[in-house]
Protein backbone atom coordinates (compact mmCIF):
# COMPACT_ATOMS: atom_id res chain seq x y z
CA MET A 1 185.24 99.10 154.97
CA LEU A 2 186.73 96.60 152.62
CA PRO A 3 187.96 93.44 154.66
CA GLY A 4 191.63 93.74 155.10
CA THR A 5 191.37 96.58 156.20
CA GLU A 6 192.72 98.24 159.54
CA PHE A 7 191.92 100.89 161.71
CA GLN A 8 192.02 102.13 164.86
CA CYS A 9 188.72 103.47 166.95
CA GLU A 10 187.74 103.59 170.59
CA ILE A 11 184.51 101.40 171.33
CA GLU A 12 181.03 103.12 172.03
CA LYS A 13 179.06 99.79 173.64
CA CYS A 14 178.80 96.78 173.68
CA ALA A 15 175.21 95.91 171.40
CA LEU A 16 172.43 93.56 171.76
CA GLY A 17 174.13 90.36 170.84
CA GLY A 18 177.43 90.96 172.63
CA ASP A 19 179.78 92.72 170.48
CA ALA A 20 181.12 95.73 170.65
CA LEU A 21 180.52 98.71 169.13
CA THR A 22 182.18 101.36 167.13
CA ARG A 23 181.93 103.92 164.33
CA VAL A 24 184.71 105.61 161.83
CA ASP A 25 184.07 107.73 159.44
CA GLY A 26 180.22 107.26 160.01
CA GLU A 27 180.05 103.08 159.54
CA VAL A 28 179.36 100.83 161.69
CA ILE A 29 181.41 98.02 162.61
CA PHE A 30 181.08 94.91 165.43
CA ILE A 31 184.04 93.78 167.40
CA PRO A 32 184.01 90.76 169.26
CA GLY A 33 185.56 90.67 172.45
CA ALA A 34 186.18 94.25 172.99
CA LEU A 35 184.74 96.59 175.56
CA PRO A 36 183.11 99.78 176.10
CA GLY A 37 185.83 102.74 176.39
CA GLU A 38 188.66 100.73 175.12
CA THR A 39 190.65 101.72 172.27
CA LEU A 40 192.53 99.36 169.49
CA ILE A 41 193.96 98.46 166.19
CA ALA A 42 191.24 96.09 164.41
CA ARG A 43 190.95 94.44 161.05
CA VAL A 44 187.71 94.03 158.48
CA VAL A 45 186.89 91.22 158.33
CA ALA A 46 183.40 91.03 156.56
CA GLN A 47 181.60 93.65 154.62
CA LYS A 48 177.85 94.63 154.95
CA LYS A 49 175.18 96.45 153.55
CA ASN A 50 174.67 98.71 156.84
CA PHE A 51 177.91 97.55 158.56
CA SER A 52 181.43 95.79 159.00
CA ARG A 53 182.51 93.19 161.42
CA ALA A 54 186.08 93.29 162.21
CA THR A 55 188.73 91.00 164.77
CA ILE A 56 190.89 92.73 167.26
CA VAL A 57 194.55 93.52 166.19
CA ARG A 58 196.04 94.65 169.23
CA PHE A 59 194.68 96.90 172.41
CA GLY A 60 195.98 100.35 173.03
CA ARG A 61 194.02 100.63 176.30
CA LYS A 62 192.03 98.24 177.98
CA SER A 63 189.33 98.29 179.89
CA PRO A 64 189.30 98.39 184.04
CA ASP A 65 186.19 96.14 184.15
CA ARG A 66 188.50 93.50 181.82
CA ILE A 67 188.92 89.95 183.62
CA GLU A 68 190.78 86.89 182.25
CA PRO A 69 187.47 84.26 180.97
CA GLU A 70 186.72 81.68 183.05
CA CYS A 71 186.13 79.22 180.51
CA ARG A 72 189.09 78.20 177.93
CA TYR A 73 186.64 77.63 175.33
CA PHE A 74 185.75 81.55 175.09
CA GLY A 75 186.02 83.03 171.53
CA ARG A 76 185.59 79.48 170.53
CA CYS A 77 182.38 78.59 172.15
CA PRO A 78 179.13 80.67 170.73
CA GLY A 79 177.27 80.08 174.31
CA CYS A 80 179.26 83.49 176.18
CA ALA A 81 179.62 86.49 175.04
CA TYR A 82 181.44 88.42 178.49
CA GLN A 83 183.53 86.15 179.98
CA HIS A 84 186.02 88.87 179.80
CA CYS A 85 184.38 91.20 181.89
CA THR A 86 183.21 91.26 185.28
CA TYR A 87 179.79 90.46 186.55
CA ALA A 88 179.02 94.17 187.54
CA ALA A 89 180.04 95.07 184.24
CA GLU A 90 177.59 93.02 182.38
CA THR A 91 174.81 93.61 184.10
CA ALA A 92 175.84 97.46 183.29
CA LEU A 93 175.95 96.95 179.77
CA LYS A 94 172.65 94.57 179.31
CA ALA A 95 170.89 97.38 181.41
CA GLY A 96 172.08 99.83 178.37
CA GLN A 97 170.62 97.39 176.03
CA LEU A 98 167.18 97.50 177.90
CA ARG A 99 167.22 100.91 177.30
CA ASP A 100 167.80 100.59 174.02
CA ALA A 101 164.89 98.27 173.23
CA LEU A 102 162.93 101.33 175.19
CA ASN A 103 164.09 103.55 172.65
CA SER A 104 162.90 101.00 169.52
CA ALA A 105 159.26 101.18 171.47
CA GLY A 106 158.91 104.44 171.50
CA ILE A 107 159.86 105.19 175.05
CA ASP A 108 161.99 107.56 176.05
CA PRO A 109 164.11 105.69 178.78
CA ASP A 110 165.09 108.80 181.54
CA SER A 111 161.69 108.33 182.02
CA ALA A 112 160.74 105.15 182.11
CA PRO A 113 159.51 103.41 184.85
CA ILE A 114 162.95 101.68 184.93
CA LEU A 115 163.77 99.30 188.79
CA PRO A 116 167.37 98.30 189.26
CA PRO A 117 168.86 95.77 186.85
CA ALA A 118 169.03 92.14 188.92
CA ALA A 119 172.31 90.06 188.79
CA PRO A 120 171.33 86.47 190.24
CA GLU A 121 173.68 84.60 192.07
CA PRO A 122 175.84 82.87 191.52
CA ALA A 123 177.18 84.04 187.88
CA SER A 124 178.72 80.63 186.90
CA GLY A 125 177.63 76.97 188.00
CA TYR A 126 173.40 78.46 187.70
CA ARG A 127 172.56 76.50 184.58
CA ASN A 128 169.89 73.39 185.28
CA LYS A 129 169.91 71.97 181.28
CA LEU A 130 172.34 71.78 179.10
CA GLU A 131 171.36 70.47 175.63
CA LEU A 132 174.78 69.34 173.67
CA HIS A 133 174.98 68.55 170.15
CA ALA A 134 176.97 65.72 168.21
CA ARG A 135 178.80 65.76 165.32
CA LYS A 136 180.83 62.49 163.80
CA ILE A 137 183.67 63.73 162.17
CA GLY A 138 186.37 61.92 160.70
CA GLY A 139 185.93 58.60 163.47
CA LYS A 140 186.21 61.04 165.90
CA THR A 141 182.91 62.23 167.75
CA LEU A 142 182.52 65.61 169.15
CA LEU A 143 180.08 66.87 171.97
CA GLY A 144 179.18 70.40 172.37
CA TYR A 145 177.76 73.20 171.38
CA ILE A 146 176.47 74.31 167.66
CA ALA A 147 178.65 77.36 166.14
CA SER A 148 176.72 80.43 165.04
CA ASP A 149 176.79 78.44 161.22
CA ASN A 150 174.22 76.29 162.47
CA VAL A 151 176.69 72.87 161.77
CA SER A 152 180.10 73.16 162.89
CA VAL A 153 180.04 71.87 166.61
CA THR A 154 182.34 72.78 169.82
CA ASP A 155 183.95 69.50 171.59
CA ILE A 156 183.99 70.78 175.42
CA GLU A 157 184.63 68.94 178.50
CA THR A 158 182.97 70.96 180.70
CA CYS A 159 180.67 74.04 180.82
CA PRO A 160 181.50 76.67 183.99
CA LEU A 161 177.90 77.93 183.60
CA ALA A 162 176.52 74.49 184.14
CA HIS A 163 175.60 73.24 187.36
CA PRO A 164 178.71 70.63 189.01
CA ALA A 165 176.39 68.29 189.37
CA ILE A 166 175.94 67.99 185.43
CA ASN A 167 179.17 68.56 184.35
CA ALA A 168 179.90 65.53 186.56
CA LEU A 169 177.85 63.37 184.55
CA LEU A 170 178.87 64.97 181.42
CA GLU A 171 182.74 63.96 182.47
CA ASP A 172 181.22 60.63 183.10
CA VAL A 173 179.73 59.82 179.89
CA ARG A 174 182.90 61.39 177.89
CA HIS A 175 184.88 59.00 179.67
CA ASP A 176 182.83 55.78 178.59
CA LYS A 177 183.90 55.37 175.03
CA SER A 178 181.13 53.24 174.01
CA PHE A 179 178.69 56.10 174.81
CA LEU A 180 180.40 58.42 172.21
CA HIS A 181 180.43 56.11 169.87
CA SER A 182 176.88 55.37 170.66
CA LEU A 183 175.69 58.86 169.90
CA HIS A 184 174.41 59.31 166.02
CA ASP A 185 175.59 62.31 163.87
CA GLY A 186 172.87 64.98 164.62
CA MET A 187 171.81 63.91 168.15
CA ARG A 188 171.26 66.36 171.07
CA VAL A 189 171.95 65.14 174.35
CA THR A 190 170.20 67.06 177.20
CA PHE A 191 171.49 67.11 181.04
CA ARG A 192 169.29 68.67 183.76
CA HIS A 193 169.89 69.32 187.15
CA THR A 194 167.26 69.45 190.32
CA ALA A 195 168.59 69.59 193.61
CA ARG A 196 166.39 66.35 194.28
CA GLY A 197 166.77 64.29 191.88
CA GLY A 198 170.10 65.20 190.56
CA ALA A 199 171.60 65.13 187.28
CA ILE A 200 170.16 63.13 184.65
CA TYR A 201 170.77 62.72 180.72
CA TRP A 202 168.66 61.85 177.72
CA ARG A 203 169.32 61.52 174.25
CA ASN A 204 167.23 63.82 171.77
CA GLN A 205 163.63 63.65 173.41
CA PRO A 206 163.19 61.87 176.99
CA ALA A 207 161.32 58.76 177.86
CA ARG A 208 157.28 59.18 177.89
CA ASN A 209 157.44 57.32 181.10
CA LEU A 210 160.30 59.55 182.46
CA THR A 211 158.94 60.28 186.04
CA TRP A 212 158.44 64.49 186.18
CA LEU A 213 161.19 66.70 187.40
CA ARG A 214 160.53 68.04 190.94
CA GLU A 215 161.79 71.93 191.46
CA GLU A 216 162.37 73.67 194.40
CA THR A 217 160.71 77.17 194.24
CA PRO A 218 160.27 79.85 196.71
CA ILE A 219 156.28 79.12 196.11
CA GLY A 220 157.24 75.45 197.28
CA GLU A 221 158.04 71.99 195.67
CA PHE A 222 157.24 72.07 191.41
CA SER A 223 156.42 69.77 189.33
CA VAL A 224 158.20 70.02 185.70
CA PRO A 225 157.77 66.96 182.86
CA CYS A 226 161.53 66.78 181.04
CA GLY A 227 161.11 68.08 177.86
CA SER A 228 159.41 71.22 178.78
CA PHE A 229 160.58 74.28 179.61
CA PHE A 230 161.35 75.77 182.73
CA GLN A 231 164.06 78.38 183.77
CA ILE A 232 167.48 77.50 183.68
CA ASN A 233 168.27 79.73 186.80
CA PRO A 234 167.00 78.90 189.57
CA ALA A 235 168.05 82.24 191.22
CA GLY A 236 166.83 84.72 188.43
CA GLY A 237 163.47 82.56 188.64
CA ALA A 238 162.65 83.33 191.89
CA VAL A 239 163.30 87.20 191.05
CA LEU A 240 161.01 86.70 188.43
CA LEU A 241 158.22 85.60 190.82
CA GLU A 242 159.52 87.95 193.29
CA GLU A 243 158.33 90.89 190.66
CA PHE A 244 154.91 88.70 189.91
CA ARG A 245 154.04 88.90 193.27
CA LYS A 246 154.47 92.25 193.78
CA ALA A 247 152.55 92.86 190.74
CA LEU A 248 149.68 90.91 192.40
CA ASN A 249 149.83 93.20 195.24
CA GLU A 250 149.90 96.40 193.40
CA VAL A 251 146.64 95.03 191.09
CA GLN A 252 144.67 92.94 193.15
CA PRO A 253 143.08 91.33 190.72
CA LYS A 254 139.64 89.34 190.44
CA ARG A 255 141.40 86.94 188.10
CA VAL A 256 144.38 86.04 186.82
CA ILE A 257 145.52 84.21 183.79
CA ASP A 258 148.97 83.13 182.43
CA LEU A 259 149.19 82.54 178.97
CA TYR A 260 152.49 80.57 176.95
CA CYS A 261 151.94 79.11 181.02
CA GLY A 262 154.60 76.11 180.75
CA ALA A 263 153.73 74.22 184.14
CA GLY A 264 152.17 77.17 185.49
CA ILE A 265 154.65 78.85 187.44
CA PHE A 266 152.94 82.17 187.46
CA ALA A 267 149.31 80.85 188.16
CA ALA A 268 150.32 78.44 190.96
CA ALA A 269 152.07 81.56 192.51
CA ALA A 270 148.69 83.25 192.13
CA ALA A 271 147.03 80.68 194.05
CA ALA A 272 149.69 80.21 196.49
CA ALA A 273 148.62 84.17 197.08
CA GLY A 274 145.36 83.22 198.08
CA TYR A 275 143.55 83.71 194.16
CA ALA A 276 141.10 81.08 193.29
CA ASP A 277 140.14 82.20 189.87
CA VAL A 278 143.22 81.32 188.28
CA SER A 279 143.46 79.69 184.62
CA GLY A 280 145.89 79.64 181.80
CA VAL A 281 146.79 78.57 178.30
CA GLU A 282 149.62 76.27 177.07
CA SER A 283 150.68 74.49 173.66
CA ASP A 284 152.36 71.84 175.50
CA GLU A 285 150.46 69.18 176.29
CA ALA A 286 153.00 67.68 178.83
CA ALA A 287 153.57 71.00 180.33
CA ALA A 288 150.09 71.83 180.49
CA ALA A 289 149.12 68.61 182.80
CA ALA A 290 151.67 69.34 185.23
CA ALA A 291 150.12 72.77 185.34
CA ARG A 292 147.06 71.38 186.18
CA PHE A 293 148.31 68.89 188.91
CA ASN A 294 150.40 71.91 190.06
CA LEU A 295 147.17 74.10 190.42
CA LYS A 296 145.59 71.29 192.42
CA LYS A 297 148.38 71.25 194.53
CA PHE A 298 148.32 74.92 195.74
CA GLY A 299 145.01 74.68 196.05
CA ILE A 300 142.67 75.12 192.25
CA ALA A 301 140.05 72.32 192.63
CA ASN A 302 139.55 71.74 189.25
CA PRO A 303 142.20 73.90 187.17
CA GLU A 304 141.40 75.46 184.06
CA ILE A 305 144.58 74.74 181.99
CA THR A 306 143.91 74.67 178.45
CA ALA A 307 146.22 72.87 175.93
CA ALA A 308 146.27 74.57 172.79
CA LYS A 309 148.56 77.54 171.37
CA VAL A 310 147.30 80.93 172.38
CA GLU A 311 146.54 82.37 169.04
CA ASP A 312 144.26 79.74 168.66
CA VAL A 313 141.77 79.86 171.32
CA LEU A 314 142.67 83.76 173.04
CA LYS A 315 139.11 85.26 172.61
CA PRO A 316 139.04 89.58 173.80
CA GLU A 317 135.82 88.40 175.64
CA GLN A 318 137.83 86.46 178.04
CA LEU A 319 139.92 89.42 179.18
CA PRO A 320 137.53 91.41 181.49
CA PRO A 321 139.08 95.19 183.20
CA ASP A 322 139.73 93.17 186.69
CA THR A 323 142.02 90.36 185.03
CA LEU A 324 145.52 90.24 185.71
CA LEU A 325 147.13 88.59 182.39
CA THR A 326 150.40 87.35 182.69
CA VAL A 327 152.40 86.29 179.16
CA ASP A 328 155.70 84.90 178.86
CA PRO A 329 155.88 84.11 175.07
CA PRO A 330 158.63 82.53 173.12
CA ARG A 331 161.39 84.29 171.55
CA THR A 332 159.55 85.67 168.77
CA GLY A 333 156.93 87.15 171.07
CA LEU A 334 153.80 87.46 171.02
CA ALA A 335 151.08 85.48 167.70
CA THR A 336 149.58 88.79 165.85
CA ASN A 337 145.95 86.95 166.41
CA ALA A 338 146.95 87.20 170.64
CA ALA A 339 148.45 90.78 170.46
CA ARG A 340 145.08 91.37 168.57
CA ALA A 341 142.75 90.12 170.91
CA ILE A 342 144.88 92.03 173.92
CA GLY A 343 144.45 95.14 172.07
CA ARG A 344 140.70 94.79 171.40
CA SER A 345 139.86 93.54 175.34
CA GLY A 346 138.47 95.62 178.63
CA LEU A 347 141.81 94.12 180.31
CA ARG A 348 143.73 96.83 182.05
CA HIS A 349 146.43 95.09 183.50
CA LEU A 350 149.37 93.12 181.70
CA VAL A 351 152.50 91.89 183.07
CA TYR A 352 154.65 91.04 179.96
CA VAL A 353 158.37 88.58 180.83
CA SER A 354 160.41 88.19 177.31
CA CYS A 355 163.39 86.60 176.63
CA HIS A 356 164.09 88.62 173.71
CA PRO A 357 164.35 92.95 173.62
CA ALA A 358 163.73 92.46 170.19
CA SER A 359 160.10 91.19 169.96
CA TRP A 360 159.83 92.77 173.40
CA SER A 361 160.13 96.00 171.33
CA ARG A 362 157.49 95.21 169.23
CA ASP A 363 155.25 94.07 171.16
CA ALA A 364 155.89 97.41 173.40
CA ALA A 365 155.15 99.73 170.58
CA ARG A 366 152.20 97.54 170.12
CA LEU A 367 150.71 97.59 173.50
CA ARG A 368 151.19 101.43 173.85
CA LYS A 369 149.43 101.93 170.43
CA ASP A 370 146.77 100.08 172.20
CA GLY A 371 146.12 102.56 175.43
CA PHE A 372 148.55 100.60 177.69
CA GLU A 373 150.97 102.44 179.74
CA LEU A 374 154.65 100.80 181.03
CA ARG A 375 154.18 100.87 184.71
CA SER A 376 157.54 99.50 185.38
CA LEU A 377 160.29 97.52 184.09
CA ARG A 378 163.30 95.38 185.34
CA MET A 379 166.19 93.93 183.57
CA ILE A 380 167.17 90.22 185.44
CA ASN A 381 170.15 89.26 183.89
CA MET A 382 168.76 85.18 184.16
CA PHE A 383 171.51 84.07 181.86
CA PRO A 384 175.03 85.37 183.28
CA ARG A 385 178.31 85.47 181.06
CA THR A 386 175.69 84.99 177.61
CA ALA A 387 174.11 87.79 175.50
CA HIS A 388 171.14 87.29 176.73
CA PHE A 389 168.73 88.33 179.37
CA GLU A 390 165.17 87.93 181.43
CA ILE A 391 162.41 91.38 180.99
CA PHE A 392 160.07 91.68 182.93
CA SER A 393 157.53 94.34 182.08
CA ARG A 394 153.87 95.66 183.65
CA TRP A 395 151.29 97.67 182.01
CA SER A 396 148.02 98.82 182.79
CA ARG A 397 145.40 101.09 180.90
CA ASP A 398 142.69 103.61 181.57
């Protein structure tokens, strides 16, 4: 459909990424800001090879799930995708997207062991981390989120997803003209909050001598280097740990290995549950050091945490049948060598945590080829109001 063309349609669903999807004469068209069941007139703004993009001109019928966005930047800021619908509706939409991910992996959603979706509360004010970018334009300093073009910045004064203490600190620094003037073009400013330490910030990378953060978790206090990965939603992180502890109870392994372990939260949870043979691999050396510290705190005298890339060190013989392997890879999913080692090993039990449905689908298809069966699956709305969510999946093979 040519740009500028107006058409009438009914929205079928919201696709991964948050845009609504409709079909007109067999052509797929994505429309931001619309919801399933709505009828509207839209205008094509871009034509691609296999689909088009359009914008809303006016509504015919609106969804009963539609609400007024909480954030005044919604529609301009790329951070959120679902400010215009209820949290319950958003969670249901994401559960549908998980079903699409199952289809992509060759798994029938109607027969898959899908658990009810988790919708951690609150749906706003939950983020313990906010990374903003500075942009200098005509003597003015913008501080906000990078737009979809990866160049421009949406200047923001507050983010409703951020913890209130982060927003208070953001307001303070924005009122300090000397702070804004001191920012260089392209600089990152990271805000971080913990219940114990309150809100802090740093520019680009945190100082090496900056004290580790102390997070409150269901297993107790947990140490994390300022620049290392930790779940941004404490309530969502608690659901992940709950599901992991269920997996431990189901499998009752002799050994637990935590790959892409970060500061070692799953390994520490295993240690806290009484497992003595616990190890991990993490490429971030600071996080690996923190994982050793955390495991000692939870009773592992000589923690075996390897600071390396998983794909460089994982061997099939390291994964005997009585092991529970937990993987929480980056958005790109399992590296090829890591997936190959898992497939060739004698491993019988696997927990796969993912924040990217597309890479999870790819890896799930490979796990099935290697003989693994999906035993349980849960969508955790770890990132309310955004397009993203977390997947917790447990696998086993005979």
